C-alpha atoms as a PDB file:
ATOM      1  CA  MET A   1      -7.027  22.987 -49.453  1.00  0.00           C
ATOM      2  CA  ASP A   2      -3.477  21.614 -49.778  1.00  0.00           C
ATOM      3  CA  ALA A   3      -2.564  17.848 -49.548  1.00  0.00           C
ATOM      4  CA  ASN A   4      -1.628  17.995 -45.943  1.00  0.00           C
ATOM      5  CA  SER A   5      -5.119  19.191 -44.777  1.00  0.00           C
ATOM      6  CA  ARG A   6      -6.745  16.345 -46.054  1.00  0.00           C
ATOM      7  CA  ILE A   7      -5.031  13.661 -44.248  1.00  0.00           C
ATOM      8  CA  PRO A   8      -7.100  12.749 -41.188  1.00  0.00           C
ATOM      9  CA  PRO A   9      -5.194  12.777 -37.892  1.00  0.00           C
ATOM     10  CA  ALA A  10      -4.609   9.407 -36.315  1.00  0.00           C
ATOM     11  CA  HIS A  11      -6.690  10.245 -33.145  1.00  0.00           C
ATOM     12  CA  GLY A  12      -9.777  10.863 -35.113  1.00  0.00           C
ATOM     13  CA  TYR A  13     -10.436  14.573 -33.952  1.00  0.00           C
ATOM     14  CA  SER A  14      -9.547  17.310 -37.017  1.00  0.00           C
ATOM     15  CA  ASN A  15      -9.073  20.875 -36.286  1.00  0.00           C
ATOM     16  CA  PRO A  16     -10.173  22.904 -39.439  1.00  0.00           C
ATOM     17  CA  HIS A  17      -8.418  26.087 -38.186  1.00  0.00           C
ATOM     18  CA  ASN A  18      -4.993  24.137 -37.733  1.00  0.00           C
ATOM     19  CA  THR A  19      -3.587  22.379 -40.688  1.00  0.00           C
ATOM     20  CA  ALA A  20      -0.214  21.498 -39.389  1.00  0.00           C
ATOM     21  CA  ALA A  21      -1.862  19.530 -36.644  1.00  0.00           C
ATOM     22  CA  ALA A  22      -3.906  17.725 -39.173  1.00  0.00           C
ATOM     23  CA  ALA A  23      -0.722  16.805 -41.104  1.00  0.00           C
ATOM     24  CA  THR A  24       0.902  15.167 -38.103  1.00  0.00           C
ATOM     25  CA  SER A  25       0.505  11.693 -37.161  1.00  0.00           C
ATOM     26  CA  ILE A  26       1.004   9.729 -33.800  1.00  0.00           C
ATOM     27  CA  LEU A  27       3.909   7.482 -34.150  1.00  0.00           C
ATOM     28  CA  LEU A  28       4.038   4.624 -31.833  1.00  0.00           C
ATOM     29  CA  PRO A  29       7.378   3.772 -30.222  1.00  0.00           C
ATOM     30  CA  THR A  30       8.790   0.561 -31.114  1.00  0.00           C
ATOM     31  CA  ALA A  31       9.661  -1.925 -28.158  1.00  0.00           C
ATOM     32  CA  THR A  32      13.353  -2.864 -27.725  1.00  0.00           C
ATOM     33  CA  ALA A  33      14.510  -6.066 -25.721  1.00  0.00           C
ATOM     34  CA  ASP A  34      15.421  -3.755 -22.777  1.00  0.00           C
ATOM     35  CA  ASP A  35      11.776  -2.534 -22.731  1.00  0.00           C
ATOM     36  CA  ALA A  36      10.226  -5.908 -22.803  1.00  0.00           C
ATOM     37  CA  SER A  37      12.593  -7.117 -19.922  1.00  0.00           C
ATOM     38  CA  ALA A  38      11.686  -4.044 -17.681  1.00  0.00           C
ATOM     39  CA  SER A  39       8.034  -4.691 -18.151  1.00  0.00           C
ATOM     40  CA  SER A  40       8.133  -8.446 -17.603  1.00  0.00           C
ATOM     41  CA  ARG A  41      10.054  -7.407 -14.139  1.00  0.00           C
ATOM     42  CA  ARG A  42       7.093  -5.131 -13.520  1.00  0.00           C
ATOM     43  CA  LEU A  43       4.553  -7.981 -14.302  1.00  0.00           C
ATOM     44  CA  ASP A  44       6.488 -10.516 -11.816  1.00  0.00           C
ATOM     45  CA  ARG A  45       7.089  -8.415  -8.973  1.00  0.00           C
ATOM     46  CA  ALA A  46       4.680  -5.783  -7.840  1.00  0.00           C
ATOM     47  CA  ASP A  47       6.243  -2.673  -5.939  1.00  0.00           C
ATOM     48  CA  TRP A  48       2.903  -0.927  -4.890  1.00  0.00           C
ATOM     49  CA  PRO A  49       1.401  -2.110  -1.610  1.00  0.00           C
ATOM     50  CA  THR A  50      -1.864  -0.249  -2.077  1.00  0.00           C
ATOM     51  CA  ILE A  51      -4.786  -0.500  -4.550  1.00  0.00           C
ATOM     52  CA  ASP A  52      -3.746   2.966  -5.871  1.00  0.00           C
ATOM     53  CA  GLY A  53      -0.891   1.068  -7.764  1.00  0.00           C
ATOM     54  CA  PRO A  54       1.846   3.826  -8.282  1.00  0.00           C
ATOM     55  CA  LEU A  55      -0.118   6.670  -7.376  1.00  0.00           C
ATOM     56  CA  GLY A  56      -0.272   5.197  -3.658  1.00  0.00           C
ATOM     57  CA  LEU A  57       2.136   5.317  -0.928  1.00  0.00           C
ATOM     58  CA  SER A  58       5.670   4.197  -0.637  1.00  0.00           C
ATOM     59  CA  HIS A  59       6.702   1.163   1.748  1.00  0.00           C
ATOM     60  CA  GLU A  60       7.573   3.539   4.715  1.00  0.00           C
ATOM     61  CA  GLU A  61       4.445   5.468   4.475  1.00  0.00           C
ATOM     62  CA  SER A  62       2.354   2.483   4.047  1.00  0.00           C
ATOM     63  CA  LEU A  63       3.632   1.031   7.137  1.00  0.00           C
ATOM     64  CA  THR A  64       2.826   4.068   9.064  1.00  0.00           C
ATOM     65  CA  TYR A  65      -0.556   4.136   7.837  1.00  0.00           C
ATOM     66  CA  ALA A  66      -1.479   0.793   8.375  1.00  0.00           C
ATOM     67  CA  SER A  67      -0.269   0.577  11.915  1.00  0.00           C
ATOM     68  CA  ARG A  68      -2.198   4.040  12.455  1.00  0.00           C
ATOM     69  CA  PHE A  69      -5.180   2.547  11.280  1.00  0.00           C
ATOM     70  CA  PHE A  70      -4.785  -0.679  13.226  1.00  0.00           C
ATOM     71  CA  LYS A  71      -4.075   1.130  16.503  1.00  0.00           C
ATOM     72  CA  LEU A  72      -6.996   3.651  16.024  1.00  0.00           C
ATOM     73  CA  GLY A  73      -9.227   0.600  15.439  1.00  0.00           C
ATOM     74  CA  PHE A  74      -9.029  -0.094  19.289  1.00  0.00           C
ATOM     75  CA  LEU A  75     -10.357   3.284  20.148  1.00  0.00           C
ATOM     76  CA  PHE A  76     -13.909   2.072  19.188  1.00  0.00           C
ATOM     77  CA  LEU A  77     -13.376   2.844  15.316  1.00  0.00           C
ATOM     78  CA  PRO A  78     -13.604  -0.657  14.071  1.00  0.00           C
ATOM     79  CA  MET A  79     -14.431   0.775  10.461  1.00  0.00           C
ATOM     80  CA  LEU A  80     -10.681   1.963  10.140  1.00  0.00           C
ATOM     81  CA  TRP A  81      -9.849  -1.975  10.245  1.00  0.00           C
ATOM     82  CA  GLY A  82     -11.824  -2.380   7.018  1.00  0.00           C
ATOM     83  CA  ILE A  83     -10.469   0.828   5.404  1.00  0.00           C
ATOM     84  CA  ASN A  84      -6.962  -0.511   6.283  1.00  0.00           C
ATOM     85  CA  CYS A  85      -8.147  -4.137   4.624  1.00  0.00           C
ATOM     86  CA  PHE A  86      -9.480  -2.484   1.746  1.00  0.00           C
ATOM     87  CA  TYR A  87      -6.671  -0.031   0.831  1.00  0.00           C
ATOM     88  CA  PHE A  88      -3.801  -2.697   1.333  1.00  0.00           C
ATOM     89  CA  TRP A  89      -5.931  -5.331  -0.344  1.00  0.00           C
ATOM     90  CA  PRO A  90      -3.151  -6.323  -2.641  1.00  0.00           C
ATOM     91  CA  ILE A  91      -1.074  -7.150   0.143  1.00  0.00           C
ATOM     92  CA  LEU A  92      -3.806  -9.044   2.065  1.00  0.00           C
ATOM     93  CA  ARG A  93      -5.054 -10.962  -1.162  1.00  0.00           C
ATOM     94  CA  HIS A  94      -1.515 -12.109  -2.526  1.00  0.00           C
ATOM     95  CA  PRO A  95       0.993 -12.411   0.415  1.00  0.00           C
ATOM     96  CA  SER A  96       3.513 -14.429  -1.714  1.00  0.00           C
ATOM     97  CA  THR A  97       3.860 -11.510  -4.173  1.00  0.00           C
ATOM     98  CA  TYR A  98       4.913  -9.156  -1.253  1.00  0.00           C
ATOM     99  CA  PRO A  99       7.556 -10.753   0.634  1.00  0.00           C
ATOM    100  CA  SER A 100       9.387  -7.442   1.621  1.00  0.00           C
ATOM    101  CA  HIS A 101       6.357  -6.413   3.671  1.00  0.00           C
ATOM    102  CA  PRO A 102       6.148  -8.802   6.862  1.00  0.00           C
ATOM    103  CA  ARG A 103       5.434  -5.877   9.267  1.00  0.00           C
ATOM    104  CA  LEU A 104       2.854  -4.429   7.020  1.00  0.00           C
ATOM    105  CA  ARG A 105       1.077  -7.538   6.594  1.00  0.00           C
ATOM    106  CA  HIS A 106       1.027  -8.397  10.459  1.00  0.00           C
ATOM    107  CA  TYR A 107      -0.935  -5.081  10.762  1.00  0.00           C
ATOM    108  CA  LEU A 108      -3.281  -6.154   8.079  1.00  0.00           C
ATOM    109  CA  VAL A 109      -3.934  -9.438   9.314  1.00  0.00           C
ATOM    110  CA  GLY A 110      -4.822  -7.839  12.661  1.00  0.00           C
ATOM    111  CA  SER A 111      -7.056  -5.404  11.018  1.00  0.00           C
ATOM    112  CA  ALA A 112      -8.897  -8.187   9.142  1.00  0.00           C
ATOM    113  CA  ILE A 113      -9.382 -10.341  12.244  1.00  0.00           C
ATOM    114  CA  GLY A 114     -10.595  -7.283  14.197  1.00  0.00           C
ATOM    115  CA  PHE A 115     -12.825  -6.242  11.533  1.00  0.00           C
ATOM    116  CA  SER A 116     -14.213  -9.636  11.028  1.00  0.00           C
ATOM    117  CA  LEU A 117     -15.073 -10.018  14.773  1.00  0.00           C
ATOM    118  CA  PHE A 118     -16.554  -6.592  14.714  1.00  0.00           C
ATOM    119  CA  ALA A 119     -18.954  -7.432  11.753  1.00  0.00           C
ATOM    120  CA  ALA A 120     -19.883 -10.891  13.380  1.00  0.00           C
ATOM    121  CA  VAL A 121     -20.926  -8.922  16.534  1.00  0.00           C
ATOM    122  CA  LEU A 122     -22.775  -6.132  14.777  1.00  0.00           C
ATOM    123  CA  CYS A 123     -24.618  -8.861  12.556  1.00  0.00           C
ATOM    124  CA  SER A 124     -25.562 -10.967  15.359  1.00  0.00           C
ATOM    125  CA  TRP A 125     -26.600  -7.962  17.540  1.00  0.00           C
ATOM    126  CA  ALA A 126     -28.758  -6.667  14.620  1.00  0.00           C
ATOM    127  CA  PHE A 127     -30.330  -9.987  13.700  1.00  0.00           C
ATOM    128  CA  THR A 128     -31.222 -10.708  17.449  1.00  0.00           C
ATOM    129  CA  PHE A 129     -33.256  -7.442  17.626  1.00  0.00           C
ATOM    130  CA  ALA A 130     -34.645  -8.030  13.984  1.00  0.00           C
ATOM    131  CA  ILE A 131     -35.561 -11.540  14.395  1.00  0.00           C
ATOM    132  CA  GLY A 132     -36.164 -11.994  18.059  1.00  0.00           C
ATOM    133  CA  GLY A 133     -38.362  -8.570  18.565  1.00  0.00           C
ATOM    134  CA  GLU A 134     -41.007  -8.671  21.338  1.00  0.00           C
ATOM    135  CA  ARG A 135     -41.032 -12.562  21.535  1.00  0.00           C
ATOM    136  CA  LEU A 136     -37.311 -12.507  22.823  1.00  0.00           C
ATOM    137  CA  PHE A 137     -37.610  -9.310  24.993  1.00  0.00           C
ATOM    138  CA  GLY A 138     -41.037  -9.202  26.159  1.00  0.00           C
ATOM    139  CA  HIS A 139     -42.804  -6.202  27.672  1.00  0.00           C
ATOM    140  CA  ILE A 140     -39.482  -4.501  27.798  1.00  0.00           C
ATOM    141  CA  TRP A 141     -39.341  -4.452  23.855  1.00  0.00           C
ATOM    142  CA  SER A 142     -41.155  -1.235  23.583  1.00  0.00           C
ATOM    143  CA  GLU A 143     -38.731   0.476  25.858  1.00  0.00           C
ATOM    144  CA  LEU A 144     -35.771  -1.057  23.676  1.00  0.00           C
ATOM    145  CA  VAL A 145     -37.005   0.154  20.215  1.00  0.00           C
ATOM    146  CA  MET A 146     -36.556   3.452  18.515  1.00  0.00           C
ATOM    147  CA  TYR A 147     -39.485   3.665  16.336  1.00  0.00           C
ATOM    148  CA  ASN A 148     -41.753   4.812  19.019  1.00  0.00           C
ATOM    149  CA  PHE A 149     -39.206   7.453  20.301  1.00  0.00           C
ATOM    150  CA  ALA A 150     -41.320  10.525  19.004  1.00  0.00           C
ATOM    151  CA  ASP A 151     -44.576   9.232  20.306  1.00  0.00           C
ATOM    152  CA  LYS A 152     -42.768   8.778  23.729  1.00  0.00           C
ATOM    153  CA  TYR A 153     -41.766  11.985  24.019  1.00  0.00           C
ATOM    154  CA  GLY A 154     -44.597  13.942  22.474  1.00  0.00           C
ATOM    155  CA  LEU A 155     -42.826  15.107  19.186  1.00  0.00           C
ATOM    156  CA  THR A 156     -45.430  14.515  17.030  1.00  0.00           C
ATOM    157  CA  GLY A 157     -47.870  16.690  17.892  1.00  0.00           C
ATOM    158  CA  TRP A 158     -46.661  19.809  15.946  1.00  0.00           C
ATOM    159  CA  ILE A 159     -46.900  17.950  12.651  1.00  0.00           C
END
């Protein structure tokens, strides 16, 4: 063994067949004043309106997708409003960080209101049936529930 093959690599993995790789080490770049100011600018102002960060959409694409999801939510697809709010959560959560996106925020606030109203109606409907039951609806309750559907139409005889 030569002297270079006994030096462990910086990342902790050693390949016994590659002594040249074992001798090299990872050098960390030194930060300069320009790098520090660029990183502080990145921390001060976020450029990405989606939860994906730099892997997400640009501003123009974001506006297209947000408006499309907002409009499709009115076609009895209110879950798209929820998806719209989730995907563009940084703009919805911190509006002062994204002052250059007023039209996008308009679609997102509309989606948040629409999804909240949809969730309130859905939950109240579900709780009405779950809590009220036969006491609330009377004899018509047996027509409304789905758990007796198989018995009603004779679908359980083959089992």
